[in-house]
Amino acid sequence: MNEPEGTASEPIDRLRGWYLAARPATLPAAVVPVLVGTALAVSARQFHLIVFLATLACSLLIQIGTNFANDYYDFRKGADTAERLGPTRVTQSGIFTPRQVLLATGYTFALALLLGAYLVAVGGAPILAVGIFSILCGIGYTGGPFPLGYHGLGDLFVFVFFGLIAVAGTFYLQTGTVTLHVLLATVPVGLLCANILVVNNLRDIDTDRAAGKRTLAVRIGREATRQQYMLFQLISYTIPFTLWQTGASWDYTFWLPLLTLPRAVRLSLYLVANQDRALNKALKGTAELHLRFGALFALSLLR
């Protein structure tokens, strides 16, 4: 990315820059809830391939658009500086100008709305409301007059949108209804996804505090944030058993997500023993845990 302007490698460098801006490590967070919601729909004997593909595409586009918006607004608000401990941010590092990132945000959300028009035709007004609200909150996570991430509401935002709304919305698009079992299945998906943000905020607690970004981690401190992480894990691993007991998981496949439990324990122990830049490893591991748990959880719900 340091090639002189106009060299042959420039298009490749720009492509790599947009790849970084999209934050590919976060994209499984948009995939897992669609997989779980779809698995529940398949088990209800209702599955539509085109609806599934459109839902997955819209979920990914909203996640990428939110990442672009976060990159732009965190730079504008001074939260992303040269002292940040996490991966490269394209606005702060100068890979792209703020205007370029803002335009990319708009284009990505516009494409999500375009594809979402088909889903609105399938699901009606509830899906229209969910889509618009998701995009507004994706921007409002770090932008707008009351940025959610700057007021300690980021964890709740992730749980609601990547758990409750994404899983239940996917199921609704396939079936036209939502059940209590579906709502229960949203819990581990949302909590384990929220744990990705918990680690991120724990790592950045000092730089966020200095920038006036009052995340929940800044508000409650390091030890309570570590306890929050472990509590979210504990609740998540009880849900498969609960679903099995209530008849939503069939045969004995409910235990499949428990295969990831040893990794969850190791991550908790690592989180207790480390802080700052060392937590980049825990961040990656937590994202991988969310993906592995989610895939096995979806498989356990099939019949």
Protein backbone atom coordinates (compact mmCIF):
# COMPACT_ATOMS: atom_id res chain seq x y z
CA MET A 1 0.00 0.00 0.00
CA ASN A 2 3.03 2.20 -0.10
CA GLU A 3 3.51 1.90 -3.85
CA PRO A 4 3.87 5.22 -5.74
CA GLU A 5 0.67 6.47 -7.27
CA GLY A 6 -0.06 5.05 -10.69
CA THR A 7 1.94 1.80 -10.39
CA ALA A 8 0.57 -1.48 -11.71
CA SER A 9 0.00 -2.76 -8.18
CA GLU A 10 -2.32 0.10 -7.22
CA PRO A 11 -5.61 -1.71 -8.12
CA ILE A 12 -4.46 -4.71 -6.07
CA ASP A 13 -3.54 -2.47 -3.15
CA ARG A 14 -6.91 -0.74 -3.29
CA LEU A 15 -8.70 -4.08 -3.39
CA ARG A 16 -6.71 -5.20 -0.37
CA GLY A 17 -7.65 -1.97 1.36
CA TRP A 18 -11.37 -2.57 0.85
CA TYR A 19 -10.87 -6.12 2.04
CA LEU A 20 -9.39 -4.74 5.26
CA ALA A 21 -12.20 -2.19 5.58
CA ALA A 22 -14.82 -4.93 5.28
CA ARG A 23 -13.22 -6.65 8.32
CA PRO A 24 -13.59 -10.23 7.06
CA ALA A 25 -13.01 -11.65 10.53
CA THR A 26 -16.35 -10.13 11.60
CA LEU A 27 -18.39 -11.49 8.70
CA PRO A 28 -19.21 -14.88 10.28
CA ALA A 29 -21.27 -12.83 12.75
CA ALA A 30 -23.61 -12.10 9.83
CA VAL A 31 -23.59 -15.69 8.56
CA VAL A 32 -24.23 -17.68 11.75
CA PRO A 33 -27.69 -16.28 12.61
CA VAL A 34 -28.88 -16.92 9.05
CA LEU A 35 -27.65 -20.52 9.26
CA VAL A 36 -29.38 -21.10 12.61
CA GLY A 37 -32.64 -19.46 11.53
CA THR A 38 -32.61 -21.46 8.29
CA ALA A 39 -31.89 -24.74 10.11
CA LEU A 40 -34.94 -24.12 12.28
CA ALA A 41 -37.02 -23.43 9.16
CA VAL A 42 -35.78 -26.62 7.47
CA SER A 43 -36.79 -28.56 10.57
CA ALA A 44 -40.23 -27.00 10.24
CA ARG A 45 -40.31 -28.35 6.66
CA GLN A 46 -40.17 -24.89 5.15
CA PHE A 47 -37.18 -23.80 3.10
CA HIS A 48 -36.83 -21.49 0.09
CA LEU A 49 -33.37 -21.32 -1.48
CA ILE A 50 -33.72 -17.87 -3.09
CA VAL A 51 -35.02 -16.39 0.16
CA PHE A 52 -32.08 -17.94 2.01
CA LEU A 53 -29.51 -16.56 -0.43
CA ALA A 54 -31.08 -13.08 -0.40
CA THR A 55 -31.21 -13.09 3.41
CA LEU A 56 -27.56 -14.12 3.63
CA ALA A 57 -26.49 -11.45 1.12
CA CYS A 58 -28.42 -8.69 2.91
CA SER A 59 -27.02 -9.74 6.28
CA LEU A 60 -23.46 -9.60 4.93
CA LEU A 61 -24.00 -6.24 3.24
CA ILE A 62 -25.43 -4.67 6.39
CA GLN A 63 -22.47 -6.00 8.39
CA ILE A 64 -19.96 -4.65 5.87
CA GLY A 65 -21.75 -1.31 5.67
CA THR A 66 -21.69 -1.07 9.46
CA ASN A 67 -17.96 -1.82 9.45
CA PHE A 68 -17.35 0.94 6.90
CA ALA A 69 -19.44 3.39 8.95
CA ASN A 70 -17.59 2.39 12.12
CA ASP A 71 -14.23 2.98 10.41
CA TYR A 72 -15.33 6.44 9.28
CA TYR A 73 -17.02 7.67 12.47
CA ASP A 74 -14.41 6.29 14.89
CA PHE A 75 -11.79 8.22 12.94
CA ARG A 76 -13.88 11.39 12.96
CA LYS A 77 -14.52 11.13 16.68
CA GLY A 78 -10.87 10.43 17.52
CA ALA A 79 -11.37 6.88 18.80
CA ASP A 80 -9.08 5.42 16.11
CA THR A 81 -5.59 6.83 16.50
CA ALA A 82 -2.04 5.69 15.83
CA GLU A 83 -2.05 4.20 19.35
CA ARG A 84 -4.91 1.74 18.65
CA LEU A 85 -4.09 -1.87 19.55
CA GLY A 86 -6.27 -3.63 17.02
CA PRO A 87 -6.07 -4.33 13.27
CA THR A 88 -5.51 -1.59 10.69
CA ARG A 89 -8.34 0.88 10.11
CA VAL A 90 -8.35 2.24 6.59
CA THR A 91 -9.44 5.80 7.39
CA GLN A 92 -7.09 6.32 10.32
CA SER A 93 -4.14 4.78 8.45
CA GLY A 94 -4.75 6.90 5.34
CA ILE A 95 -5.40 3.99 2.98
CA PHE A 96 -8.63 5.71 1.96
CA THR A 97 -9.92 9.21 2.55
CA PRO A 98 -12.89 9.74 4.90
CA ARG A 99 -15.02 10.69 1.89
CA GLN A 100 -14.18 7.44 0.10
CA VAL A 101 -15.14 5.38 3.14
CA LEU A 102 -18.35 7.35 3.66
CA LEU A 103 -19.33 6.83 0.01
CA ALA A 104 -18.58 3.11 0.29
CA THR A 105 -20.84 3.00 3.34
CA GLY A 106 -23.69 4.56 1.39
CA TYR A 107 -23.24 2.31 -1.63
CA THR A 108 -23.15 -0.82 0.52
CA PHE A 109 -26.30 0.05 2.42
CA ALA A 110 -28.02 1.04 -0.83
CA LEU A 111 -27.24 -2.38 -2.28
CA ALA A 112 -28.60 -4.00 0.89
CA LEU A 113 -31.83 -2.02 0.44
CA LEU A 114 -32.05 -3.07 -3.21
CA LEU A 115 -31.75 -6.76 -2.38
CA GLY A 116 -33.93 -6.24 0.66
CA ALA A 117 -36.81 -5.11 -1.55
CA TYR A 118 -37.24 -8.74 -2.57
CA LEU A 119 -37.30 -9.82 1.08
CA VAL A 120 -39.89 -7.14 1.85
CA ALA A 121 -42.04 -8.60 -0.94
CA VAL A 122 -41.74 -11.97 0.80
CA GLY A 123 -42.07 -10.90 4.44
CA GLY A 124 -44.03 -7.67 4.25
CA ALA A 125 -43.98 -4.68 6.58
CA PRO A 126 -42.16 -6.38 9.50
CA ILE A 127 -39.16 -7.08 7.26
CA LEU A 128 -39.20 -3.53 5.90
CA ALA A 129 -39.11 -2.19 9.47
CA VAL A 130 -36.31 -4.57 10.46
CA GLY A 131 -34.23 -3.67 7.41
CA ILE A 132 -34.50 0.08 7.81
CA PHE A 133 -33.96 -0.09 11.56
CA SER A 134 -30.90 -2.33 11.10
CA ILE A 135 -29.28 0.12 8.69
CA LEU A 136 -30.08 3.13 10.87
CA CYS A 137 -28.58 1.40 13.89
CA GLY A 138 -25.59 0.24 11.83
CA ILE A 139 -24.86 3.90 11.15
CA GLY A 140 -25.91 4.98 14.63
CA TYR A 141 -23.58 2.49 16.30
CA THR A 142 -20.75 5.01 16.04
CA GLY A 143 -22.40 7.90 14.15
CA GLY A 144 -25.25 10.30 14.74
CA PRO A 145 -26.13 12.42 17.77
CA PHE A 146 -26.23 9.45 20.17
CA PRO A 147 -23.78 6.77 18.98
CA LEU A 148 -24.73 3.50 20.67
CA GLY A 149 -21.17 2.23 20.95
CA TYR A 150 -20.07 5.40 22.74
CA HIS A 151 -22.77 5.10 25.42
CA GLY A 152 -22.30 1.52 26.58
CA LEU A 153 -25.08 0.08 24.39
CA GLY A 154 -22.90 -1.79 21.91
CA ASP A 155 -23.24 -5.16 23.64
CA LEU A 156 -27.04 -4.88 23.68
CA PHE A 157 -27.03 -3.76 20.04
CA VAL A 158 -25.05 -6.84 18.96
CA PHE A 159 -27.22 -9.24 20.95
CA VAL A 160 -30.45 -7.79 19.56
CA PHE A 161 -29.41 -7.52 15.91
CA PHE A 162 -27.12 -10.53 15.51
CA GLY A 163 -29.17 -12.77 17.76
CA LEU A 164 -32.81 -11.89 18.23
CA ILE A 165 -33.56 -10.07 14.97
CA ALA A 166 -31.26 -11.97 12.61
CA VAL A 167 -32.23 -15.49 13.71
CA ALA A 168 -35.93 -14.80 14.20
CA GLY A 169 -36.08 -12.67 11.05
CA THR A 170 -34.51 -15.44 8.98
CA PHE A 171 -37.00 -17.98 10.33
CA TYR A 172 -39.89 -15.58 9.75
CA LEU A 173 -38.91 -15.04 6.12
CA GLN A 174 -39.02 -18.79 5.54
CA THR A 175 -42.14 -19.62 7.56
CA GLY A 176 -44.14 -16.44 8.18
CA THR A 177 -44.12 -17.00 11.93
CA VAL A 178 -41.89 -17.01 15.03
CA THR A 179 -42.08 -19.52 17.88
CA LEU A 180 -40.83 -19.58 21.46
CA HIS A 181 -38.22 -22.18 20.52
CA VAL A 182 -36.89 -19.88 17.82
CA LEU A 183 -36.59 -17.01 20.30
CA LEU A 184 -34.72 -19.28 22.69
CA ALA A 185 -32.33 -20.29 19.90
CA THR A 186 -31.45 -16.63 19.33
CA VAL A 187 -29.83 -16.40 22.77
CA PRO A 188 -26.50 -18.25 22.27
CA VAL A 189 -26.09 -16.80 18.78
CA GLY A 190 -26.48 -13.26 20.12
CA LEU A 191 -24.44 -13.71 23.30
CA LEU A 192 -21.44 -15.38 21.67
CA CYS A 193 -21.46 -12.70 18.99
CA ALA A 194 -21.63 -10.02 21.68
CA ASN A 195 -18.57 -11.62 23.28
CA ILE A 196 -16.55 -10.61 20.21
CA LEU A 197 -17.34 -7.00 21.06
CA VAL A 198 -16.67 -7.65 24.76
CA VAL A 199 -13.10 -8.73 23.95
CA ASN A 200 -12.64 -5.82 21.56
CA ASN A 201 -13.76 -3.31 24.19
CA LEU A 202 -11.69 -4.97 26.90
CA ARG A 203 -8.59 -4.65 24.72
CA ASP A 204 -9.34 -0.99 23.91
CA ILE A 205 -10.46 0.07 27.36
CA ASP A 206 -7.65 2.62 27.87
CA THR A 207 -7.74 4.19 24.40
CA ASP A 208 -11.56 4.29 24.44
CA ARG A 209 -11.57 6.00 27.83
CA ALA A 210 -9.07 8.58 26.58
CA ALA A 211 -11.23 9.26 23.50
CA GLY A 212 -14.41 9.64 25.56
CA LYS A 213 -15.88 6.40 24.18
CA ARG A 214 -17.88 5.13 27.16
CA THR A 215 -18.25 1.47 26.21
CA LEU A 216 -19.68 -0.93 28.76
CA ALA A 217 -16.13 -2.15 29.43
CA VAL A 218 -15.03 1.40 30.23
CA ARG A 219 -18.01 1.81 32.54
CA ILE A 220 -17.67 -1.45 34.52
CA GLY A 221 -13.91 -2.07 34.35
CA ARG A 222 -11.68 -4.97 33.33
CA GLU A 223 -12.64 -7.57 35.93
CA ALA A 224 -16.38 -7.13 35.49
CA THR A 225 -15.92 -7.27 31.70
CA ARG A 226 -14.11 -10.59 32.02
CA GLN A 227 -16.95 -11.87 34.20
CA GLN A 228 -19.44 -10.66 31.60
CA TYR A 229 -17.61 -12.68 28.95
CA MET A 230 -17.75 -15.86 31.01
CA LEU A 231 -21.41 -15.32 31.95
CA PHE A 232 -22.34 -14.99 28.26
CA GLN A 233 -20.51 -18.24 27.57
CA LEU A 234 -22.21 -20.03 30.46
CA ILE A 235 -25.69 -19.02 29.35
CA SER A 236 -24.94 -19.93 25.73
CA TYR A 237 -23.88 -23.47 26.57
CA THR A 238 -27.03 -24.16 28.59
CA ILE A 239 -29.37 -23.34 25.69
CA PRO A 240 -28.80 -26.48 23.56
CA PHE A 241 -29.67 -28.67 26.56
CA THR A 242 -32.72 -26.52 27.31
CA LEU A 243 -33.94 -26.81 23.72
CA TRP A 244 -33.48 -30.57 23.86
CA GLN A 245 -35.47 -30.78 27.09
CA THR A 246 -38.29 -28.73 25.57
CA GLY A 247 -38.37 -30.76 22.37
CA ALA A 248 -36.79 -28.33 19.94
CA SER A 249 -33.63 -30.41 19.39
CA TRP A 250 -34.16 -33.98 18.19
CA ASP A 251 -32.60 -37.32 19.07
CA TYR A 252 -29.34 -36.61 20.87
CA THR A 253 -27.74 -34.15 18.49
CA PHE A 254 -28.26 -31.35 21.03
CA TRP A 255 -24.74 -32.01 22.33
CA LEU A 256 -22.98 -31.07 19.09
CA PRO A 257 -22.30 -27.41 20.10
CA LEU A 258 -20.76 -28.71 23.32
CA LEU A 259 -17.82 -29.96 21.28
CA THR A 260 -16.60 -26.35 21.34
CA LEU A 261 -16.73 -26.10 25.13
CA PRO A 262 -13.00 -26.87 25.73
CA ARG A 263 -12.09 -24.00 23.40
CA ALA A 264 -14.48 -21.70 25.25
CA VAL A 265 -12.84 -22.56 28.57
CA ARG A 266 -9.36 -21.91 27.15
CA LEU A 267 -10.47 -18.54 25.84
CA SER A 268 -11.88 -17.55 29.23
CA LEU A 269 -8.63 -18.50 30.96
CA TYR A 270 -6.63 -16.57 28.37
CA LEU A 271 -8.82 -13.53 28.87
CA VAL A 272 -8.19 -13.60 32.60
CA ALA A 273 -4.42 -13.79 32.15
CA ASN A 274 -3.93 -11.19 29.41
CA GLN A 275 -4.85 -7.67 28.35
CA ASP A 276 -4.15 -4.95 25.77
CA ARG A 277 -2.57 -6.08 22.47
CA ALA A 278 -2.39 -9.73 23.57
CA LEU A 279 -6.19 -9.81 23.40
CA ASN A 280 -6.04 -9.70 19.58
CA LYS A 281 -5.52 -13.45 19.84
CA ALA A 282 -8.59 -13.80 22.07
CA LEU A 283 -10.59 -11.65 19.67
CA LYS A 284 -9.80 -13.94 16.75
CA GLY A 285 -10.47 -17.02 18.89
CA THR A 286 -13.83 -15.69 20.07
CA ALA A 287 -14.94 -15.00 16.50
CA GLU A 288 -13.92 -18.53 15.53
CA LEU A 289 -15.78 -19.93 18.54
CA HIS A 290 -18.94 -18.10 17.48
CA LEU A 291 -18.67 -19.59 14.00
CA ARG A 292 -17.94 -23.15 15.15
CA PHE A 293 -20.62 -23.12 17.85
CA GLY A 294 -23.12 -21.62 15.41
CA ALA A 295 -22.45 -24.17 12.68
CA LEU A 296 -22.77 -27.09 15.09
CA PHE A 297 -25.81 -25.50 16.72
CA ALA A 298 -27.51 -25.20 13.32
CA LEU A 299 -26.65 -28.83 12.56
CA SER A 300 -28.08 -29.96 15.91
CA LEU A 301 -31.41 -28.30 15.09
CA LEU A 302 -31.90 -30.18 11.82
CA ARG A 303 -34.15 -33.18 11.55
